[in-house]
Amino acid sequence: MSYKEIETAFKRFENPGDALEGHYSGCESVVVNDSEALRHSLLDADGVKQSFLGTNQLDQLLKGVLIGTQIKIEYVGSRKMKAGRTLKDFKVFEDVNAPLLTL
C-alpha cells in the first residue's frame, strides 16, 4: 500500500474576487462563537480538503448541490443591509461539463 498525508485548509473570503474551486463534499454543523453554523467543504484539484463557513446566502445556494459536483465559489463583495449590518455577497457556479466525482 501507498499512503499520502491528508491535507486540509480553511478558506476565508476576505477580498472581492477571492474564489475556491473543487468537488463539493458536503457540510456539517459546527459551533462558532456560541452560535451554530454550517461548515462546508470541497476537494480541490490538488486533493486538499478546503473548508469554509457558510453564510445564509451560501447555505441556501449550496443546499441543492449534489456531493461530488464540481463548483466554484466567488466572493463578489460586501453590501450594507437596511438594519446597518454588512453582509458578504457570493456567487456559486456549477461546472455542467464536469463528471460527478464519487467521494
PDB file of N, CA and C in Angstrom:
ATOM      1  N   MET A   1       0.840  -1.190   0.000  1.00  0.00           N
ATOM      2  CA  MET A   1       0.000   0.000   0.000  1.00  0.00           C
ATOM      3  C   MET A   1       0.872   1.235   0.000  1.00  0.00           C
ATOM      4  N   SER A   2       0.293   2.288  -0.500  1.00  0.00           N
ATOM      5  CA  SER A   2       0.979   3.566  -0.526  1.00  0.00           C
ATOM      6  C   SER A   2       0.055   4.615   0.094  1.00  0.00           C
ATOM      7  N   TYR A   3       0.556   5.342   1.074  1.00  0.00           N
ATOM      8  CA  TYR A   3      -0.264   6.330   1.774  1.00  0.00           C
ATOM      9  C   TYR A   3       0.212   7.733   1.479  1.00  0.00           C
ATOM     10  N   LYS A   4      -0.737   8.677   1.510  1.00  0.00           N
ATOM     11  CA  LYS A   4      -0.442  10.088   1.320  1.00  0.00           C
ATOM     12  C   LYS A   4      -1.030  10.845   2.506  1.00  0.00           C
ATOM     13  N   GLU A   5      -0.308  11.811   3.014  1.00  0.00           N
ATOM     14  CA  GLU A   5      -0.800  12.609   4.140  1.00  0.00           C
ATOM     15  C   GLU A   5      -2.052  13.373   3.717  1.00  0.00           C
ATOM     16  N   ILE A   6      -3.045  13.400   4.588  1.00  0.00           N
ATOM     17  CA  ILE A   6      -4.282  14.130   4.329  1.00  0.00           C
ATOM     18  C   ILE A   6      -4.052  15.593   4.668  1.00  0.00           C
ATOM     19  N   GLU A   7      -4.305  16.448   3.700  1.00  0.00           N
ATOM     20  CA  GLU A   7      -4.134  17.884   3.910  1.00  0.00           C
ATOM     21  C   GLU A   7      -5.497  18.554   4.001  1.00  0.00           C
ATOM     22  N   THR A   8      -5.595  19.549   4.873  1.00  0.00           N
ATOM     23  CA  THR A   8      -6.817  20.339   4.980  1.00  0.00           C
ATOM     24  C   THR A   8      -6.435  21.810   5.059  1.00  0.00           C
ATOM     25  N   ALA A   9      -7.353  22.649   4.648  1.00  0.00           N
ATOM     26  CA  ALA A   9      -7.135  24.091   4.714  1.00  0.00           C
ATOM     27  C   ALA A   9      -8.473  24.760   5.006  1.00  0.00           C
ATOM     28  N   PHE A  10      -8.422  25.919   5.631  1.00  0.00           N
ATOM     29  CA  PHE A  10      -9.628  26.687   5.911  1.00  0.00           C
ATOM     30  C   PHE A  10      -9.565  27.965   5.089  1.00  0.00           C
ATOM     31  N   LYS A  11     -10.591  28.208   4.285  1.00  0.00           N
ATOM     32  CA  LYS A  11     -10.626  29.366   3.391  1.00  0.00           C
ATOM     33  C   LYS A  11     -11.443  30.489   4.008  1.00  0.00           C
ATOM     34  N   ARG A  12     -10.840  31.661   4.036  1.00  0.00           N
ATOM     35  CA  ARG A  12     -11.561  32.880   4.436  1.00  0.00           C
ATOM     36  C   ARG A  12     -11.702  33.749   3.190  1.00  0.00           C
ATOM     37  N   PHE A  13     -12.909  34.135   2.883  1.00  0.00           N
ATOM     38  CA  PHE A  13     -13.165  35.018   1.748  1.00  0.00           C
ATOM     39  C   PHE A  13     -13.074  36.448   2.254  1.00  0.00           C
ATOM     40  N   GLU A  14     -11.976  37.135   1.950  1.00  0.00           N
ATOM     41  CA  GLU A  14     -11.744  38.463   2.502  1.00  0.00           C
ATOM     42  C   GLU A  14     -11.776  39.575   1.460  1.00  0.00           C
ATOM     43  N   ASN A  15     -11.319  39.289   0.251  1.00  0.00           N
ATOM     44  CA  ASN A  15     -11.246  40.320  -0.794  1.00  0.00           C
ATOM     45  C   ASN A  15     -12.146  39.947  -1.963  1.00  0.00           C
ATOM     46  N   PRO A  16     -12.872  40.934  -2.522  1.00  0.00           N
ATOM     47  CA  PRO A  16     -13.675  40.633  -3.705  1.00  0.00           C
ATOM     48  C   PRO A  16     -12.806  39.954  -4.766  1.00  0.00           C
ATOM     49  N   GLY A  17     -13.355  38.902  -5.350  1.00  0.00           N
ATOM     50  CA  GLY A  17     -12.608  38.116  -6.322  1.00  0.00           C
ATOM     51  C   GLY A  17     -12.014  36.851  -5.730  1.00  0.00           C
ATOM     52  N   ASP A  18     -11.922  36.769  -4.388  1.00  0.00           N
ATOM     53  CA  ASP A  18     -11.448  35.524  -3.771  1.00  0.00           C
ATOM     54  C   ASP A  18     -12.373  34.396  -4.216  1.00  0.00           C
ATOM     55  N   ALA A  19     -11.774  33.279  -4.627  1.00  0.00           N
ATOM     56  CA  ALA A  19     -12.582  32.172  -5.141  1.00  0.00           C
ATOM     57  C   ALA A  19     -12.015  30.844  -4.662  1.00  0.00           C
ATOM     58  N   LEU A  20     -12.846  29.829  -4.747  1.00  0.00           N
ATOM     59  CA  LEU A  20     -12.481  28.478  -4.360  1.00  0.00           C
ATOM     60  C   LEU A  20     -13.176  27.527  -5.323  1.00  0.00           C
ATOM     61  N   GLU A  21     -12.412  26.562  -5.852  1.00  0.00           N
ATOM     62  CA  GLU A  21     -12.963  25.605  -6.805  1.00  0.00           C
ATOM     63  C   GLU A  21     -12.669  24.188  -6.352  1.00  0.00           C
ATOM     64  N   GLY A  22     -13.589  23.288  -6.637  1.00  0.00           N
ATOM     65  CA  GLY A  22     -13.361  21.888  -6.333  1.00  0.00           C
ATOM     66  C   GLY A  22     -14.657  21.106  -6.342  1.00  0.00           C
ATOM     67  N   HIS A  23     -14.577  19.854  -5.962  1.00  0.00           N
ATOM     68  CA  HIS A  23     -15.742  18.985  -5.879  1.00  0.00           C
ATOM     69  C   HIS A  23     -16.352  19.111  -4.486  1.00  0.00           C
ATOM     70  N   TYR A  24     -17.622  19.493  -4.460  1.00  0.00           N
ATOM     71  CA  TYR A  24     -18.323  19.708  -3.199  1.00  0.00           C
ATOM     72  C   TYR A  24     -18.421  18.395  -2.426  1.00  0.00           C
ATOM     73  N   SER A  25     -18.047  18.434  -1.143  1.00  0.00           N
ATOM     74  CA  SER A  25     -18.105  17.219  -0.336  1.00  0.00           C
ATOM     75  C   SER A  25     -19.059  17.323   0.856  1.00  0.00           C
ATOM     76  N   GLY A  26     -19.896  18.356   0.877  1.00  0.00           N
ATOM     77  CA  GLY A  26     -20.945  18.437   1.887  1.00  0.00           C
ATOM     78  C   GLY A  26     -20.681  19.452   2.979  1.00  0.00           C
ATOM     79  N   CYS A  27     -21.500  19.363   4.030  1.00  0.00           N
ATOM     80  CA  CYS A  27     -21.375  20.305   5.143  1.00  0.00           C
ATOM     81  C   CYS A  27     -21.678  19.589   6.446  1.00  0.00           C
ATOM     82  N   GLU A  28     -21.269  20.240   7.525  1.00  0.00           N
ATOM     83  CA  GLU A  28     -21.558  19.734   8.866  1.00  0.00           C
ATOM     84  C   GLU A  28     -21.829  20.918   9.780  1.00  0.00           C
ATOM     85  N   SER A  29     -22.590  20.676  10.804  1.00  0.00           N
ATOM     86  CA  SER A  29     -22.928  21.710  11.761  1.00  0.00           C
ATOM     87  C   SER A  29     -21.788  21.865  12.769  1.00  0.00           C
ATOM     88  N   VAL A  30     -21.387  23.120  13.022  1.00  0.00           N
ATOM     89  CA  VAL A  30     -20.335  23.418  13.990  1.00  0.00           C
ATOM     90  C   VAL A  30     -20.796  24.587  14.856  1.00  0.00           C
ATOM     91  N   VAL A  31     -20.131  24.782  15.986  1.00  0.00           N
ATOM     92  CA  VAL A  31     -20.432  25.913  16.863  1.00  0.00           C
ATOM     93  C   VAL A  31     -19.289  26.915  16.762  1.00  0.00           C
ATOM     94  N   VAL A  32     -19.646  28.158  16.416  1.00  0.00           N
ATOM     95  CA  VAL A  32     -18.670  29.235  16.287  1.00  0.00           C
ATOM     96  C   VAL A  32     -19.172  30.416  17.114  1.00  0.00           C
ATOM     97  N   ASN A  33     -18.374  30.859  18.063  1.00  0.00           N
ATOM     98  CA  ASN A  33     -18.765  31.974  18.939  1.00  0.00           C
ATOM     99  C   ASN A  33     -20.155  31.758  19.547  1.00  0.00           C
ATOM    100  N   ASP A  34     -20.398  30.579  20.085  1.00  0.00           N
ATOM    101  CA  ASP A  34     -21.651  30.212  20.736  1.00  0.00           C
ATOM    102  C   ASP A  34     -22.857  30.187  19.796  1.00  0.00           C
ATOM    103  N   SER A  35     -22.623  30.197  18.490  1.00  0.00           N
ATOM    104  CA  SER A  35     -23.714  30.105  17.518  1.00  0.00           C
ATOM    105  C   SER A  35     -23.467  28.916  16.602  1.00  0.00           C
ATOM    106  N   GLU A  36     -24.545  28.297  16.159  1.00  0.00           N
ATOM    107  CA  GLU A  36     -24.426  27.174  15.249  1.00  0.00           C
ATOM    108  C   GLU A  36     -24.257  27.693  13.826  1.00  0.00           C
ATOM    109  N   ALA A  37     -23.372  27.055  13.078  1.00  0.00           N
ATOM    110  CA  ALA A  37     -23.123  27.435  11.684  1.00  0.00           C
ATOM    111  C   ALA A  37     -22.847  26.170  10.887  1.00  0.00           C
ATOM    112  N   LEU A  38     -22.907  26.283   9.567  1.00  0.00           N
ATOM    113  CA  LEU A  38     -22.549  25.167   8.699  1.00  0.00           C
ATOM    114  C   LEU A  38     -21.141  25.379   8.167  1.00  0.00           C
ATOM    115  N   ARG A  39     -20.333  24.318   8.266  1.00  0.00           N
ATOM    116  CA  ARG A  39     -19.003  24.337   7.680  1.00  0.00           C
ATOM    117  C   ARG A  39     -19.059  23.456   6.432  1.00  0.00           C
ATOM    118  N   HIS A  40     -18.866  24.078   5.284  1.00  0.00           N
ATOM    119  CA  HIS A  40     -18.897  23.375   4.009  1.00  0.00           C
ATOM    120  C   HIS A  40     -17.474  22.971   3.650  1.00  0.00           C
ATOM    121  N   SER A  41     -17.350  21.971   2.786  1.00  0.00           N
ATOM    122  CA  SER A  41     -16.016  21.577   2.330  1.00  0.00           C
ATOM    123  C   SER A  41     -16.074  21.099   0.892  1.00  0.00           C
ATOM    124  N   LEU A  42     -14.927  21.194   0.256  1.00  0.00           N
ATOM    125  CA  LEU A  42     -14.770  20.666  -1.089  1.00  0.00           C
ATOM    126  C   LEU A  42     -13.355  20.154  -1.255  1.00  0.00           C
ATOM    127  N   LEU A  43     -13.171  19.312  -2.236  1.00  0.00           N
ATOM    128  CA  LEU A  43     -11.870  18.729  -2.540  1.00  0.00           C
ATOM    129  C   LEU A  43     -11.330  19.452  -3.759  1.00  0.00           C
ATOM    130  N   ASP A  44     -10.197  20.177  -3.591  1.00  0.00           N
ATOM    131  CA  ASP A  44      -9.672  20.956  -4.710  1.00  0.00           C
ATOM    132  C   ASP A  44      -8.876  20.084  -5.676  1.00  0.00           C
ATOM    133  N   ALA A  45      -8.378  20.678  -6.750  1.00  0.00           N
ATOM    134  CA  ALA A  45      -7.677  19.942  -7.805  1.00  0.00           C
ATOM    135  C   ALA A  45      -6.407  19.264  -7.305  1.00  0.00           C
ATOM    136  N   ASP A  46      -5.825  19.774  -6.209  1.00  0.00           N
ATOM    137  CA  ASP A  46      -4.612  19.180  -5.638  1.00  0.00           C
ATOM    138  C   ASP A  46      -4.930  18.093  -4.609  1.00  0.00           C
ATOM    139  N   GLY A  47      -6.218  17.811  -4.410  1.00  0.00           N
ATOM    140  CA  GLY A  47      -6.608  16.790  -3.446  1.00  0.00           C
ATOM    141  C   GLY A  47      -6.668  17.287  -2.022  1.00  0.00           C
ATOM    142  N   VAL A  48      -6.622  18.600  -1.818  1.00  0.00           N
ATOM    143  CA  VAL A  48      -6.676  19.188  -0.482  1.00  0.00           C
ATOM    144  C   VAL A  48      -8.136  19.487  -0.123  1.00  0.00           C
ATOM    145  N   LYS A  49      -8.545  19.064   1.064  1.00  0.00           N
ATOM    146  CA  LYS A  49      -9.891  19.365   1.546  1.00  0.00           C
ATOM    147  C   LYS A  49      -9.919  20.817   2.009  1.00  0.00           C
ATOM    148  N   GLN A  50     -10.707  21.633   1.327  1.00  0.00           N
ATOM    149  CA  GLN A  50     -10.858  23.047   1.661  1.00  0.00           C
ATOM    150  C   GLN A  50     -12.185  23.228   2.393  1.00  0.00           C
ATOM    151  N   SER A  51     -12.155  23.864   3.563  1.00  0.00           N
ATOM    152  CA  SER A  51     -13.363  24.109   4.347  1.00  0.00           C
ATOM    153  C   SER A  51     -13.611  25.603   4.465  1.00  0.00           C
ATOM    154  N   PHE A  52     -14.873  25.969   4.622  1.00  0.00           N
ATOM    155  CA  PHE A  52     -15.238  27.379   4.803  1.00  0.00           C
ATOM    156  C   PHE A  52     -16.579  27.435   5.519  1.00  0.00           C
ATOM    157  N   LEU A  53     -16.774  28.507   6.284  1.00  0.00           N
ATOM    158  CA  LEU A  53     -18.036  28.685   6.995  1.00  0.00           C
ATOM    159  C   LEU A  53     -19.095  29.232   6.059  1.00  0.00           C
ATOM    160  N   GLY A  54     -20.292  28.715   6.221  1.00  0.00           N
ATOM    161  CA  GLY A  54     -21.404  29.185   5.419  1.00  0.00           C
ATOM    162  C   GLY A  54     -21.957  30.495   5.945  1.00  0.00           C
ATOM    163  N   THR A  55     -22.613  31.192   5.064  1.00  0.00           N
ATOM    164  CA  THR A  55     -23.435  32.348   5.407  1.00  0.00           C
ATOM    165  C   THR A  55     -24.857  31.942   5.037  1.00  0.00           C
ATOM    166  N   ASN A  56     -25.846  32.734   5.399  1.00  0.00           N
ATOM    167  CA  ASN A  56     -27.214  32.390   4.994  1.00  0.00           C
ATOM    168  C   ASN A  56     -27.299  32.223   3.485  1.00  0.00           C
ATOM    169  N   GLN A  57     -26.669  33.140   2.749  1.00  0.00           N
ATOM    170  CA  GLN A  57     -26.700  33.083   1.294  1.00  0.00           C
ATOM    171  C   GLN A  57     -25.989  31.825   0.770  1.00  0.00           C
ATOM    172  N   LEU A  58     -24.774  31.562   1.251  1.00  0.00           N
ATOM    173  CA  LEU A  58     -24.038  30.374   0.797  1.00  0.00           C
ATOM    174  C   LEU A  58     -24.779  29.092   1.153  1.00  0.00           C
ATOM    175  N   ASP A  59     -25.323  29.023   2.356  1.00  0.00           N
ATOM    176  CA  ASP A  59     -26.055  27.825   2.769  1.00  0.00           C
ATOM    177  C   ASP A  59     -27.215  27.556   1.814  1.00  0.00           C
ATOM    178  N   GLN A  60     -27.929  28.606   1.429  1.00  0.00           N
ATOM    179  CA  GLN A  60     -29.058  28.445   0.507  1.00  0.00           C
ATOM    180  C   GLN A  60     -28.590  28.046  -0.889  1.00  0.00           C
ATOM    181  N   LEU A  61     -27.515  28.678  -1.373  1.00  0.00           N
ATOM    182  CA  LEU A  61     -27.009  28.366  -2.709  1.00  0.00           C
ATOM    183  C   LEU A  61     -26.468  26.946  -2.800  1.00  0.00           C
ATOM    184  N   LEU A  62     -25.876  26.442  -1.720  1.00  0.00           N
ATOM    185  CA  LEU A  62     -25.253  25.118  -1.738  1.00  0.00           C
ATOM    186  C   LEU A  62     -26.218  23.997  -1.341  1.00  0.00           C
ATOM    187  N   LYS A  63     -27.389  24.367  -0.857  1.00  0.00           N
ATOM    188  CA  LYS A  63     -28.345  23.376  -0.343  1.00  0.00           C
ATOM    189  C   LYS A  63     -28.693  22.303  -1.379  1.00  0.00           C
ATOM    190  N   GLY A  64     -28.824  22.671  -2.634  1.00  0.00           N
ATOM    191  CA  GLY A  64     -29.232  21.712  -3.651  1.00  0.00           C
ATOM    192  C   GLY A  64     -28.089  21.104  -4.445  1.00  0.00           C
ATOM    193  N   VAL A  65     -26.851  21.423  -4.082  1.00  0.00           N
ATOM    194  CA  VAL A  65     -25.698  20.905  -4.823  1.00  0.00           C
ATOM    195  C   VAL A  65     -25.418  19.467  -4.408  1.00  0.00           C
ATOM    196  N   LEU A  66     -25.315  18.595  -5.387  1.00  0.00           N
ATOM    197  CA  LEU A  66     -25.025  17.189  -5.101  1.00  0.00           C
ATOM    198  C   LEU A  66     -23.566  17.015  -4.688  1.00  0.00           C
ATOM    199  N   ILE A  67     -23.324  16.137  -3.742  1.00  0.00           N
ATOM    200  CA  ILE A  67     -21.948  15.827  -3.336  1.00  0.00           C
ATOM    201  C   ILE A  67     -21.216  15.246  -4.538  1.00  0.00           C
ATOM    202  N   GLY A  68     -20.018  15.763  -4.786  1.00  0.00           N
ATOM    203  CA  GLY A  68     -19.215  15.335  -5.922  1.00  0.00           C
ATOM    204  C   GLY A  68     -19.293  16.275  -7.113  1.00  0.00           C
ATOM    205  N   THR A  69     -20.174  17.276  -7.050  1.00  0.00           N
ATOM    206  CA  THR A  69     -20.316  18.239  -8.133  1.00  0.00           C
ATOM    207  C   THR A  69     -19.148  19.220  -8.124  1.00  0.00           C
ATOM    208  N   GLN A  70     -18.595  19.504  -9.291  1.00  0.00           N
ATOM    209  CA  GLN A  70     -17.525  20.500  -9.440  1.00  0.00           C
ATOM    210  C   GLN A  70     -18.160  21.887  -9.351  1.00  0.00           C
ATOM    211  N   ILE A  71     -17.705  22.695  -8.377  1.00  0.00           N
ATOM    212  CA  ILE A  71     -18.264  24.033  -8.193  1.00  0.00           C
ATOM    213  C   ILE A  71     -17.149  25.066  -8.058  1.00  0.00           C
ATOM    214  N   LYS A  72     -17.556  26.314  -8.212  1.00  0.00           N
ATOM    215  CA  LYS A  72     -16.669  27.455  -7.963  1.00  0.00           C
ATOM    216  C   LYS A  72     -17.464  28.443  -7.124  1.00  0.00           C
ATOM    217  N   ILE A  73     -16.865  28.903  -6.042  1.00  0.00           N
ATOM    218  CA  ILE A  73     -17.480  29.907  -5.169  1.00  0.00           C
ATOM    219  C   ILE A  73     -16.653  31.167  -5.290  1.00  0.00           C
ATOM    220  N   GLU A  74     -17.325  32.276  -5.549  1.00  0.00           N
ATOM    221  CA  GLU A  74     -16.617  33.552  -5.702  1.00  0.00           C
ATOM    222  C   GLU A  74     -17.225  34.593  -4.776  1.00  0.00           C
ATOM    223  N   TYR A  75     -16.360  35.254  -4.023  1.00  0.00           N
ATOM    224  CA  TYR A  75     -16.785  36.359  -3.149  1.00  0.00           C
ATOM    225  C   TYR A  75     -16.790  37.622  -4.002  1.00  0.00           C
ATOM    226  N   VAL A  76     -17.961  38.248  -4.130  1.00  0.00           N
ATOM    227  CA  VAL A  76     -18.079  39.420  -5.005  1.00  0.00           C
ATOM    228  C   VAL A  76     -18.004  40.746  -4.259  1.00  0.00           C
ATOM    229  N   GLY A  77     -18.113  40.731  -2.943  1.00  0.00           N
ATOM    230  CA  GLY A  77     -18.009  41.967  -2.169  1.00  0.00           C
ATOM    231  C   GLY A  77     -19.027  42.003  -1.042  1.00  0.00           C
ATOM    232  N   SER A  78     -19.059  43.139  -0.352  1.00  0.00           N
ATOM    233  CA  SER A  78     -19.970  43.319   0.776  1.00  0.00           C
ATOM    234  C   SER A  78     -21.059  44.306   0.418  1.00  0.00           C
ATOM    235  N   ARG A  79     -22.167  44.182   1.110  1.00  0.00           N
ATOM    236  CA  ARG A  79     -23.250  45.154   0.936  1.00  0.00           C
ATOM    237  C   ARG A  79     -23.868  45.453   2.291  1.00  0.00           C
ATOM    238  N   LYS A  80     -24.327  46.670   2.453  1.00  0.00           N
ATOM    239  CA  LYS A  80     -24.970  47.088   3.709  1.00  0.00           C
ATOM    240  C   LYS A  80     -26.454  46.799   3.645  1.00  0.00           C
ATOM    241  N   MET A  81     -26.943  46.246   4.716  1.00  0.00           N
ATOM    242  CA  MET A  81     -28.379  45.986   4.848  1.00  0.00           C
ATOM    243  C   MET A  81     -29.034  47.219   5.466  1.00  0.00           C
ATOM    244  N   LYS A  82     -30.344  47.298   5.366  1.00  0.00           N
ATOM    245  CA  LYS A  82     -31.079  48.437   5.918  1.00  0.00           C
ATOM    246  C   LYS A  82     -30.857  48.593   7.416  1.00  0.00           C
ATOM    247  N   ALA A  83     -30.693  47.458   8.107  1.00  0.00           N
ATOM    248  CA  ALA A  83     -30.516  47.493   9.559  1.00  0.00           C
ATOM    249  C   ALA A  83     -29.095  47.905   9.951  1.00  0.00           C
ATOM    250  N   GLY A  84     -28.223  48.144   8.947  1.00  0.00           N
ATOM    251  CA  GLY A  84     -26.868  48.593   9.248  1.00  0.00           C
ATOM    252  C   GLY A  84     -25.822  47.492   9.225  1.00  0.00           C
ATOM    253  N   ARG A  85     -26.261  46.235   9.177  1.00  0.00           N
ATOM    254  CA  ARG A  85     -25.311  45.123   9.110  1.00  0.00           C
ATOM    255  C   ARG A  85     -24.686  45.043   7.729  1.00  0.00           C
ATOM    256  N   THR A  86     -23.459  44.551   7.688  1.00  0.00           N
ATOM    257  CA  THR A  86     -22.769  44.325   6.419  1.00  0.00           C
ATOM    258  C   THR A  86     -22.740  42.833   6.145  1.00  0.00           C
ATOM    259  N   LEU A  87     -23.164  42.454   4.953  1.00  0.00           N
ATOM    260  CA  LEU A  87     -23.176  41.056   4.562  1.00  0.00           C
ATOM    261  C   LEU A  87     -22.257  40.823   3.378  1.00  0.00           C
ATOM    262  N   LYS A  88     -21.623  39.645   3.340  1.00  0.00           N
ATOM    263  CA  LYS A  88     -20.795  39.274   2.200  1.00  0.00           C
ATOM    264  C   LYS A  88     -21.685  38.671   1.123  1.00  0.00           C
ATOM    265  N   ASP A  89     -21.411  39.037  -0.123  1.00  0.00           N
ATOM    266  CA  ASP A  89     -22.158  38.540  -1.274  1.00  0.00           C
ATOM    267  C   ASP A  89     -21.319  37.531  -2.047  1.00  0.00           C
ATOM    268  N   PHE A  90     -21.925  36.418  -2.434  1.00  0.00           N
ATOM    269  CA  PHE A  90     -21.228  35.346  -3.135  1.00  0.00           C
ATOM    270  C   PHE A  90     -21.978  34.947  -4.398  1.00  0.00           C
ATOM    271  N   LYS A  91     -21.238  34.348  -5.323  1.00  0.00           N
ATOM    272  CA  LYS A  91     -21.817  33.670  -6.475  1.00  0.00           C
ATOM    273  C   LYS A  91     -21.292  32.242  -6.432  1.00  0.00           C
ATOM    274  N   VAL A  92     -22.160  31.291  -6.771  1.00  0.00           N
ATOM    275  CA  VAL A  92     -21.765  29.886  -6.827  1.00  0.00           C
ATOM    276  C   VAL A  92     -22.046  29.388  -8.240  1.00  0.00           C
ATOM    277  N   PHE A  93     -21.027  28.761  -8.833  1.00  0.00           N
ATOM    278  CA  PHE A  93     -21.131  28.244 -10.190  1.00  0.00           C
ATOM    279  C   PHE A  93     -20.966  26.730 -10.156  1.00  0.00           C
ATOM    280  N   GLU A  94     -21.680  26.039 -11.039  1.00  0.00           N
ATOM    281  CA  GLU A  94     -21.572  24.588 -11.173  1.00  0.00           C
ATOM    282  C   GLU A  94     -21.018  24.290 -12.555  1.00  0.00           C
ATOM    283  N   ASP A  95     -19.992  23.445 -12.628  1.00  0.00           N
ATOM    284  CA  ASP A  95     -19.434  23.043 -13.927  1.00  0.00           C
ATOM    285  C   ASP A  95     -20.336  21.965 -14.503  1.00  0.00           C
ATOM    286  N   VAL A  96     -21.134  22.332 -15.503  1.00  0.00           N
ATOM    287  CA  VAL A  96     -22.109  21.396 -16.067  1.00  0.00           C
ATOM    288  C   VAL A  96     -21.456  20.346 -16.959  1.00  0.00           C
ATOM    289  N   ASN A  97     -20.190  20.548 -17.330  1.00  0.00           N
ATOM    290  CA  ASN A  97     -19.489  19.584 -18.184  1.00  0.00           C
ATOM    291  C   ASN A  97     -18.616  18.605 -17.401  1.00  0.00           C
ATOM    292  N   ALA A  98     -18.374  18.892 -16.138  1.00  0.00           N
ATOM    293  CA  ALA A  98     -17.516  18.023 -15.328  1.00  0.00           C
ATOM    294  C   ALA A  98     -18.301  16.819 -14.835  1.00  0.00           C
ATOM    295  N   PRO A  99     -17.683  15.654 -14.825  1.00  0.00           N
ATOM    296  CA  PRO A  99     -18.372  14.469 -14.293  1.00  0.00           C
ATOM    297  C   PRO A  99     -18.520  14.580 -12.774  1.00  0.00           C
ATOM    298  N   LEU A 100     -19.554  13.939 -12.254  1.00  0.00           N
ATOM    299  CA  LEU A 100     -19.780  13.881 -10.813  1.00  0.00           C
ATOM    300  C   LEU A 100     -18.712  12.975 -10.206  1.00  0.00           C
ATOM    301  N   LEU A 101     -18.002  13.476  -9.218  1.00  0.00           N
ATOM    302  CA  LEU A 101     -16.946  12.709  -8.565  1.00  0.00           C
ATOM    303  C   LEU A 101     -17.550  11.930  -7.404  1.00  0.00           C
ATOM    304  N   THR A 102     -17.259  10.654  -7.311  1.00  0.00           N
ATOM    305  CA  THR A 102     -17.725   9.847  -6.187  1.00  0.00           C
ATOM    306  C   THR A 102     -16.786  10.059  -5.015  1.00  0.00           C
ATOM    307  N   LEU A 103     -17.315  10.623  -3.928  1.00  0.00           N
ATOM    308  CA  LEU A 103     -16.493  10.903  -2.743  1.00  0.00           C
ATOM    309  C   LEU A 103     -16.826   9.940  -1.628  1.00  0.00           C
TER     310      LEU A 103
END
